[in-house]
C-alpha atoms as a PDB file:
ATOM      1  CA  UNK A   1     -39.542 -71.324 -98.425  1.00  0.00           C
ATOM      2  CA  UNK A   2     -41.857 -69.032 -97.805  1.00  0.00           C
ATOM      3  CA  UNK A   3     -45.408 -69.137-100.435  1.00  0.00           C
ATOM      4  CA  UNK A   4     -47.168 -66.284-101.562  1.00  0.00           C
ATOM      5  CA  UNK A   5     -50.400 -66.189-104.072  1.00  0.00           C
ATOM      6  CA  UNK A   6     -51.219 -63.286-105.546  1.00  0.00           C
ATOM      7  CA  UNK A   7     -54.477 -62.465-108.170  1.00  0.00           C
ATOM      8  CA  UNK A   8     -52.334 -63.571-111.439  1.00  0.00           C
ATOM      9  CA  UNK A   9     -49.419 -64.870-109.565  1.00  0.00           C
ATOM     10  CA  UNK A  10     -47.688 -67.543-107.013  1.00  0.00           C
ATOM     11  CA  UNK A  11     -44.785 -66.345-105.676  1.00  0.00           C
ATOM     12  CA  UNK A  12     -41.726 -68.068-103.658  1.00  0.00           C
ATOM     13  CA  UNK A  13     -39.376 -66.202-100.594  1.00  0.00           C
ATOM     14  CA  UNK A  14     -35.498 -68.507-101.199  1.00  0.00           C
ATOM     15  CA  UNK A  15     -33.460 -66.837 -99.404  1.00  0.00           C
ATOM     16  CA  UNK A  16     -32.356 -64.112-101.165  1.00  0.00           C
ATOM     17  CA  UNK A  17     -34.262 -64.633-104.293  1.00  0.00           C
ATOM     18  CA  UNK A  18     -38.070 -64.692-105.249  1.00  0.00           C
ATOM     19  CA  UNK A  19     -39.660 -66.483-107.554  1.00  0.00           C
ATOM     20  CA  UNK A  20     -43.363 -65.787-109.301  1.00  0.00           C
ATOM     21  CA  UNK A  21     -44.536 -68.316-111.527  1.00  0.00           C
ATOM     22  CA  UNK A  22     -48.582 -67.515-113.396  1.00  0.00           C
ATOM     23  CA  UNK A  23     -50.785 -68.472-111.933  1.00  0.00           C
ATOM     24  CA  UNK A  24     -53.142 -70.547-114.244  1.00  0.00           C
ATOM     25  CA  UNK A  25     -56.912 -70.464-113.641  1.00  0.00           C
ATOM     26  CA  UNK A  26     -57.700 -72.943-115.644  1.00  0.00           C
ATOM     27  CA  UNK A  27     -61.149 -73.495-113.526  1.00  0.00           C
ATOM     28  CA  UNK A  28     -62.074 -69.977-113.794  1.00  0.00           C
ATOM     29  CA  UNK A  29     -61.223 -69.728-117.371  1.00  0.00           C
ATOM     30  CA  UNK A  30     -63.533 -72.492-118.322  1.00  0.00           C
ATOM     31  CA  UNK A  31     -66.158 -71.242-116.548  1.00  0.00           C
ATOM     32  CA  UNK A  32     -65.792 -67.836-117.885  1.00  0.00           C
ATOM     33  CA  UNK A  33     -66.052 -69.104-122.183  1.00  0.00           C
ATOM     34  CA  UNK A  34     -69.789 -70.009-121.798  1.00  0.00           C
ATOM     35  CA  UNK A  35     -69.966 -66.263-121.159  1.00  0.00           C
ATOM     36  CA  UNK A  36     -67.429 -64.943-123.093  1.00  0.00           C
ATOM     37  CA  UNK A  37     -68.504 -67.816-126.240  1.00  0.00           C
ATOM     38  CA  UNK A  38     -70.771 -65.770-128.666  1.00  0.00           C
ATOM     39  CA  UNK A  39     -67.903 -63.584-129.215  1.00  0.00           C
ATOM     40  CA  UNK A  40     -65.258 -66.661-129.597  1.00  0.00           C
ATOM     41  CA  UNK A  41     -67.419 -68.521-132.554  1.00  0.00           C
ATOM     42  CA  UNK A  42     -68.133 -64.867-134.167  1.00  0.00           C
ATOM     43  CA  UNK A  43     -64.694 -64.571-134.299  1.00  0.00           C
ATOM     44  CA  UNK A  44     -64.430 -67.785-135.408  1.00  0.00           C
ATOM     45  CA  UNK A  45     -67.051 -67.239-138.354  1.00  0.00           C
ATOM     46  CA  UNK A  46     -64.945 -64.298-139.743  1.00  0.00           C
ATOM     47  CA  UNK A  47     -61.834 -65.835-140.253  1.00  0.00           C
ATOM     48  CA  UNK A  48     -63.492 -68.526-142.926  1.00  0.00           C
ATOM     49  CA  UNK A  49     -65.232 -65.644-144.134  1.00  0.00           C
ATOM     50  CA  UNK A  50     -68.419 -66.839-143.344  1.00  0.00           C
ATOM     51  CA  UNK A  51     -70.047 -63.185-141.151  1.00  0.00           C
ATOM     52  CA  UNK A  52     -68.883 -59.416-141.880  1.00  0.00           C
ATOM     53  CA  UNK A  53     -65.143 -58.862-139.323  1.00  0.00           C
ATOM     54  CA  UNK A  54     -66.890 -59.217-135.718  1.00  0.00           C
ATOM     55  CA  UNK A  55     -66.055 -55.972-133.345  1.00  0.00           C
ATOM     56  CA  UNK A  56     -63.173 -56.031-131.859  1.00  0.00           C
ATOM     57  CA  UNK A  57     -63.896 -55.444-128.067  1.00  0.00           C
ATOM     58  CA  UNK A  58     -66.766 -58.745-127.958  1.00  0.00           C
ATOM     59  CA  UNK A  59     -64.360 -60.894-129.116  1.00  0.00           C
ATOM     60  CA  UNK A  60     -62.919 -63.499-127.221  1.00  0.00           C
ATOM     61  CA  UNK A  61     -59.597 -63.523-129.538  1.00  0.00           C
ATOM     62  CA  UNK A  62     -58.602 -60.146-128.333  1.00  0.00           C
ATOM     63  CA  UNK A  63     -59.679 -59.578-125.400  1.00  0.00           C
ATOM     64  CA  UNK A  64     -56.801 -61.077-123.758  1.00  0.00           C
ATOM     65  CA  UNK A  65     -56.762 -57.856-121.128  1.00  0.00           C
ATOM     66  CA  UNK A  66     -60.687 -58.014-119.724  1.00  0.00           C
ATOM     67  CA  UNK A  67     -60.664 -59.118-116.502  1.00  0.00           C
ATOM     68  CA  UNK A  68     -62.020 -62.211-116.390  1.00  0.00           C
ATOM     69  CA  UNK A  69     -61.985 -63.261-120.265  1.00  0.00           C
ATOM     70  CA  UNK A  70     -60.696 -66.802-120.836  1.00  0.00           C
ATOM     71  CA  UNK A  71     -57.147 -65.552-122.035  1.00  0.00           C
ATOM     72  CA  UNK A  72     -56.914 -63.297-119.755  1.00  0.00           C
ATOM     73  CA  UNK A  73     -57.170 -66.217-117.114  1.00  0.00           C
ATOM     74  CA  UNK A  74     -54.689 -68.553-118.015  1.00  0.00           C
ATOM     75  CA  UNK A  75     -51.393 -66.488-119.632  1.00  0.00           C
ATOM     76  CA  UNK A  76     -52.443 -62.977-117.023  1.00  0.00           C
ATOM     77  CA  UNK A  77     -49.962 -64.316-115.330  1.00  0.00           C
ATOM     78  CA  UNK A  78     -46.898 -64.925-118.283  1.00  0.00           C
ATOM     79  CA  UNK A  79     -47.670 -61.561-119.636  1.00  0.00           C
ATOM     80  CA  UNK A  80     -46.872 -60.331-115.878  1.00  0.00           C
ATOM     81  CA  UNK A  81     -43.834 -61.895-115.990  1.00  0.00           C
ATOM     82  CA  UNK A  82     -43.055 -60.965-119.033  1.00  0.00           C
ATOM     83  CA  UNK A  83     -43.301 -56.732-118.849  1.00  0.00           C
ATOM     84  CA  UNK A  84     -41.340 -57.158-115.913  1.00  0.00           C
ATOM     85  CA  UNK A  85     -38.772 -58.398-117.578  1.00  0.00           C
ATOM     86  CA  UNK A  86     -38.806 -56.086-120.570  1.00  0.00           C
ATOM     87  CA  UNK A  87     -39.374 -52.884-118.197  1.00  0.00           C
ATOM     88  CA  UNK A  88     -36.888 -53.767-115.879  1.00  0.00           C
ATOM     89  CA  UNK A  89     -34.314 -55.275-119.360  1.00  0.00           C
ATOM     90  CA  UNK A  90     -35.301 -51.785-120.755  1.00  0.00           C
ATOM     91  CA  UNK A  91     -34.711 -49.678-118.059  1.00  0.00           C
ATOM     92  CA  UNK A  92     -32.091 -50.959-115.633  1.00  0.00           C
ATOM     93  CA  UNK A  93     -34.168 -48.929-113.169  1.00  0.00           C
ATOM     94  CA  UNK A  94     -33.123 -48.506-109.874  1.00  0.00           C
ATOM     95  CA  UNK A  95     -36.765 -48.042-108.606  1.00  0.00           C
ATOM     96  CA  UNK A  96     -37.020 -51.408-110.061  1.00  0.00           C
ATOM     97  CA  UNK A  97     -36.608 -54.630-107.650  1.00  0.00           C
ATOM     98  CA  UNK A  98     -34.083 -56.391-110.168  1.00  0.00           C
ATOM     99  CA  UNK A  99     -35.370 -59.229-112.568  1.00  0.00           C
ATOM    100  CA  UNK A 100     -32.379 -61.870-112.983  1.00  0.00           C
ATOM    101  CA  UNK A 101     -33.961 -63.949-114.866  1.00  0.00           C
ATOM    102  CA  UNK A 102     -37.259 -64.548-116.750  1.00  0.00           C
ATOM    103  CA  UNK A 103     -38.279 -68.625-119.326  1.00  0.00           C
ATOM    104  CA  UNK A 104     -40.716 -67.138-121.184  1.00  0.00           C
ATOM    105  CA  UNK A 105     -43.520 -65.936-118.559  1.00  0.00           C
ATOM    106  CA  UNK A 106     -43.142 -69.081-117.583  1.00  0.00           C
ATOM    107  CA  UNK A 107     -40.712 -67.527-114.600  1.00  0.00           C
ATOM    108  CA  UNK A 108     -39.160 -64.989-113.056  1.00  0.00           C
ATOM    109  CA  UNK A 109     -36.239 -64.704-110.593  1.00  0.00           C
ATOM    110  CA  UNK A 110     -36.360 -61.604-108.955  1.00  0.00           C
ATOM    111  CA  UNK A 111     -34.031 -59.958-105.547  1.00  0.00           C
ATOM    112  CA  UNK A 112     -35.802 -60.370-102.622  1.00  0.00           C
ATOM    113  CA  UNK A 113     -35.842 -57.296-100.767  1.00  0.00           C
ATOM    114  CA  UNK A 114     -37.175 -56.437 -96.481  1.00  0.00           C
ATOM    115  CA  UNK A 115     -40.829 -55.965 -96.972  1.00  0.00           C
ATOM    116  CA  UNK A 116     -42.237 -52.383 -96.528  1.00  0.00           C
ATOM    117  CA  UNK A 117     -44.177 -52.152 -93.032  1.00  0.00           C
ATOM    118  CA  UNK A 118     -46.557 -49.343 -94.031  1.00  0.00           C
ATOM    119  CA  UNK A 119     -50.019 -48.917 -93.657  1.00  0.00           C
ATOM    120  CA  UNK A 120     -51.473 -48.751 -97.263  1.00  0.00           C
ATOM    121  CA  UNK A 121     -52.672 -45.085 -96.589  1.00  0.00           C
ATOM    122  CA  UNK A 122     -49.636 -44.055 -95.991  1.00  0.00           C
ATOM    123  CA  UNK A 123     -47.675 -45.715 -98.712  1.00  0.00           C
ATOM    124  CA  UNK A 124     -51.058 -44.408-101.326  1.00  0.00           C
ATOM    125  CA  UNK A 125     -50.195 -40.717 -99.593  1.00  0.00           C
ATOM    126  CA  UNK A 126     -46.953 -40.596-100.015  1.00  0.00           C
ATOM    127  CA  UNK A 127     -46.552 -42.300-103.503  1.00  0.00           C
ATOM    128  CA  UNK A 128     -49.835 -38.909-104.297  1.00  0.00           C
ATOM    129  CA  UNK A 129     -47.983 -36.343-102.954  1.00  0.00           C
ATOM    130  CA  UNK A 130     -43.997 -37.453-103.653  1.00  0.00           C
ATOM    131  CA  UNK A 131     -45.569 -37.580-108.094  1.00  0.00           C
ATOM    132  CA  UNK A 132     -48.695 -35.900-110.250  1.00  0.00           C
ATOM    133  CA  UNK A 133     -52.042 -36.418-108.017  1.00  0.00           C
ATOM    134  CA  UNK A 134     -54.011 -37.816-110.921  1.00  0.00           C
ATOM    135  CA  UNK A 135     -51.322 -39.751-112.762  1.00  0.00           C
ATOM    136  CA  UNK A 136     -50.713 -42.466-109.487  1.00  0.00           C
ATOM    137  CA  UNK A 137     -53.872 -42.962-110.860  1.00  0.00           C
ATOM    138  CA  UNK A 138     -53.353 -45.178-113.748  1.00  0.00           C
ATOM    139  CA  UNK A 139     -52.749 -48.443-111.310  1.00  0.00           C
ATOM    140  CA  UNK A 140     -53.646 -47.552-107.513  1.00  0.00           C
ATOM    141  CA  UNK A 141     -53.956 -51.138-107.281  1.00  0.00           C
ATOM    142  CA  UNK A 142     -50.315 -51.175-107.478  1.00  0.00           C
ATOM    143  CA  UNK A 143     -49.621 -48.732-105.712  1.00  0.00           C
ATOM    144  CA  UNK A 144     -52.089 -48.297-103.003  1.00  0.00           C
ATOM    145  CA  UNK A 145     -51.591 -52.165-102.016  1.00  0.00           C
ATOM    146  CA  UNK A 146     -47.545 -52.309 -99.513  1.00  0.00           C
ATOM    147  CA  UNK A 147     -46.934 -55.864-100.354  1.00  0.00           C
ATOM    148  CA  UNK A 148     -46.199 -54.929-103.802  1.00  0.00           C
ATOM    149  CA  UNK A 149     -43.305 -52.915-102.463  1.00  0.00           C
ATOM    150  CA  UNK A 150     -39.991 -53.270-100.042  1.00  0.00           C
ATOM    151  CA  UNK A 151     -36.967 -51.898 -98.779  1.00  0.00           C
ATOM    152  CA  UNK A 152     -33.881 -52.444-100.543  1.00  0.00           C
ATOM    153  CA  UNK A 153     -30.648 -50.946 -98.673  1.00  0.00           C
ATOM    154  CA  UNK A 154     -32.327 -47.852 -97.493  1.00  0.00           C
ATOM    155  CA  UNK A 155     -34.803 -47.598-100.428  1.00  0.00           C
ATOM    156  CA  UNK A 156     -38.227 -48.138-101.537  1.00  0.00           C
ATOM    157  CA  UNK A 157     -38.347 -50.135-104.364  1.00  0.00           C
ATOM    158  CA  UNK A 158     -40.670 -51.370-106.999  1.00  0.00           C
ATOM    159  CA  UNK A 159     -41.185 -55.361-106.440  1.00  0.00           C
ATOM    160  CA  UNK A 160     -44.305 -56.473-108.779  1.00  0.00           C
ATOM    161  CA  UNK A 161     -45.046 -54.062-112.201  1.00  0.00           C
ATOM    162  CA  UNK A 162     -46.371 -56.708-114.115  1.00  0.00           C
ATOM    163  CA  UNK A 163     -49.814 -54.258-115.099  1.00  0.00           C
ATOM    164  CA  UNK A 164     -48.161 -52.621-117.965  1.00  0.00           C
ATOM    165  CA  UNK A 165     -50.216 -49.125-117.590  1.00  0.00           C
ATOM    166  CA  UNK A 166     -47.558 -48.243-115.436  1.00  0.00           C
ATOM    167  CA  UNK A 167     -44.580 -48.240-116.407  1.00  0.00           C
ATOM    168  CA  UNK A 168     -44.650 -45.243-118.079  1.00  0.00           C
ATOM    169  CA  UNK A 169     -45.465 -43.247-113.778  1.00  0.00           C
ATOM    170  CA  UNK A 170     -42.871 -45.807-113.113  1.00  0.00           C
ATOM    171  CA  UNK A 171     -40.312 -43.862-115.477  1.00  0.00           C
ATOM    172  CA  UNK A 172     -41.501 -41.168-114.997  1.00  0.00           C
ATOM    173  CA  UNK A 173     -41.443 -40.032-111.258  1.00  0.00           C
ATOM    174  CA  UNK A 174     -39.035 -43.183-110.359  1.00  0.00           C
ATOM    175  CA  UNK A 175     -36.592 -41.367-109.407  1.00  0.00           C
ATOM    176  CA  UNK A 176     -38.583 -39.261-107.195  1.00  0.00           C
ATOM    177  CA  UNK A 177     -39.667 -41.940-105.156  1.00  0.00           C
ATOM    178  CA  UNK A 178     -36.771 -43.942-104.945  1.00  0.00           C
ATOM    179  CA  UNK A 179     -35.191 -40.789-103.216  1.00  0.00           C
ATOM    180  CA  UNK A 180     -37.003 -39.339-100.762  1.00  0.00           C
ATOM    181  CA  UNK A 181     -39.623 -42.132 -99.900  1.00  0.00           C
ATOM    182  CA  UNK A 182     -40.074 -41.997 -96.148  1.00  0.00           C
ATOM    183  CA  UNK A 183     -40.655 -45.144 -94.616  1.00  0.00           C
ATOM    184  CA  UNK A 184     -41.666 -42.787 -91.130  1.00  0.00           C
ATOM    185  CA  UNK A 185     -44.092 -40.856 -93.273  1.00  0.00           C
ATOM    186  CA  UNK A 186     -48.070 -40.682 -91.639  1.00  0.00           C
ATOM    187  CA  UNK A 187     -50.881 -39.693 -93.156  1.00  0.00           C
ATOM    188  CA  UNK A 188     -52.360 -38.377 -89.424  1.00  0.00           C
ATOM    189  CA  UNK A 189     -48.920 -35.986 -89.873  1.00  0.00           C
ATOM    190  CA  UNK A 190     -50.340 -34.452 -92.868  1.00  0.00           C
ATOM    191  CA  UNK A 191     -53.301 -33.968 -92.623  1.00  0.00           C
ATOM    192  CA  UNK A 192     -52.478 -31.677 -88.716  1.00  0.00           C
ATOM    193  CA  UNK A 193     -49.534 -30.097 -90.307  1.00  0.00           C
ATOM    194  CA  UNK A 194     -52.367 -28.957 -93.586  1.00  0.00           C
ATOM    195  CA  UNK A 195     -55.069 -27.937 -90.523  1.00  0.00           C
ATOM    196  CA  UNK A 196     -52.861 -25.368 -89.100  1.00  0.00           C
END
């Protein structure tokens, strides 16, 4: 059994399965509540008719996707689990590591694969070369981090697809990445070819 801690989830590797739990950052949420409390208070006043409708971007209630907000720090891991389950269930995409089970975003069970042993520069550059240069920036964190991928049956597969910003990109380019990705790709070698 191995345990890994990411920004939004805690991952436990047990045999052929990966179990993902949300990382709830209670201490950070309490600390950030002070910063975001004016928006929350304005929202509560609006609910009781004491104030005009607050700007939706300043409202604590609606800003759960914004990094550092209390709701984000409490529930981002839960949302990542839910988004992974939805995308896999909707598409059954071969590029995605299968999500076998999900319980209300509190736990996800996925297939385990071999870790991707590759430099992040080589991974990122190959993904950009196989897809559209601009579209890969939709979620550069996911596509630049080898630990978000694994190697199963000779194919690259995405294990961490809990960020909804990358779902459209995955649906568009997954087949190309699944079939054409090379574990032996080297950005340094590619640069040499370009110079010639």
